[in-house]
Amino acid sequence: MLIFYYKCQSVVLLLLGVVFEIVALFTLKYQKDEMAPFAT
């Protein structure tokens, strides 16, 4: 049961990491799109 718990924990952490990466990428892309008019 303990091993199962650790497996679930690692999977959750992995998913959180993936979600965080996606959010960070979208945020960077959005900021670049927002800054584009000011840069030119």
C-alpha atoms as a PDB file:
ATOM      1  CA  MET A   1       0.000   0.000   0.000  1.00  0.00           C
ATOM      2  CA  LEU A   2       2.872   2.350   0.823  1.00  0.00           C
ATOM      3  CA  ILE A   3       4.523   1.662  -2.545  1.00  0.00           C
ATOM      4  CA  PHE A   4       1.218   2.399  -4.268  1.00  0.00           C
ATOM      5  CA  TYR A   5       1.018   5.716  -2.393  1.00  0.00           C
ATOM      6  CA  TYR A   6       4.513   6.711  -3.479  1.00  0.00           C
ATOM      7  CA  LYS A   7       3.704   5.783  -7.085  1.00  0.00           C
ATOM      8  CA  CYS A   8       0.597   7.973  -7.013  1.00  0.00           C
ATOM      9  CA  GLN A   9       2.576  10.807  -5.445  1.00  0.00           C
ATOM     10  CA  SER A  10       5.262  10.649  -8.144  1.00  0.00           C
ATOM     11  CA  VAL A  11       2.621  10.593 -10.898  1.00  0.00           C
ATOM     12  CA  VAL A  12       0.851  13.617  -9.386  1.00  0.00           C
ATOM     13  CA  LEU A  13       4.135  15.516  -9.106  1.00  0.00           C
ATOM     14  CA  LEU A  14       4.953  14.627 -12.712  1.00  0.00           C
ATOM     15  CA  LEU A  15       1.554  15.879 -13.905  1.00  0.00           C
ATOM     16  CA  LEU A  16       1.946  19.083 -11.901  1.00  0.00           C
ATOM     17  CA  GLY A  17       5.352  19.611 -13.504  1.00  0.00           C
ATOM     18  CA  VAL A  18       3.912  19.123 -16.992  1.00  0.00           C
ATOM     19  CA  VAL A  19       1.018  21.500 -16.300  1.00  0.00           C
ATOM     20  CA  PHE A  20       3.446  24.084 -14.903  1.00  0.00           C
ATOM     21  CA  GLU A  21       5.632  23.807 -18.018  1.00  0.00           C
ATOM     22  CA  ILE A  22       2.621  24.291 -20.325  1.00  0.00           C
ATOM     23  CA  VAL A  23       1.362  27.281 -18.331  1.00  0.00           C
ATOM     24  CA  ALA A  24       4.843  28.840 -18.362  1.00  0.00           C
ATOM     25  CA  LEU A  25       5.138  28.373 -22.137  1.00  0.00           C
ATOM     26  CA  PHE A  26       1.705  29.882 -22.782  1.00  0.00           C
ATOM     27  CA  THR A  27       2.483  32.797 -20.449  1.00  0.00           C
ATOM     28  CA  LEU A  28       5.740  33.526 -22.268  1.00  0.00           C
ATOM     29  CA  LYS A  29       4.016  33.324 -25.658  1.00  0.00           C
ATOM     30  CA  TYR A  30       1.184  35.592 -24.485  1.00  0.00           C
ATOM     31  CA  GLN A  31       3.600  38.140 -23.032  1.00  0.00           C
ATOM     32  CA  LYS A  32       5.570  38.197 -26.298  1.00  0.00           C
ATOM     33  CA  ASP A  33       2.362  38.758 -28.273  1.00  0.00           C
ATOM     34  CA  GLU A  34       1.376  41.540 -25.874  1.00  0.00           C
ATOM     35  CA  MET A  35       4.791  43.196 -26.071  1.00  0.00           C
ATOM     36  CA  ALA A  36       5.042  42.968 -29.882  1.00  0.00           C
ATOM     37  CA  PRO A  37       3.203  46.276 -30.623  1.00  0.00           C
ATOM     38  CA  PHE A  38       5.369  48.148 -28.105  1.00  0.00           C
ATOM     39  CA  ALA A  39       8.617  46.679 -29.425  1.00  0.00           C
ATOM     40  CA  THR A  40       8.056  47.837 -33.002  1.00  0.00           C
END
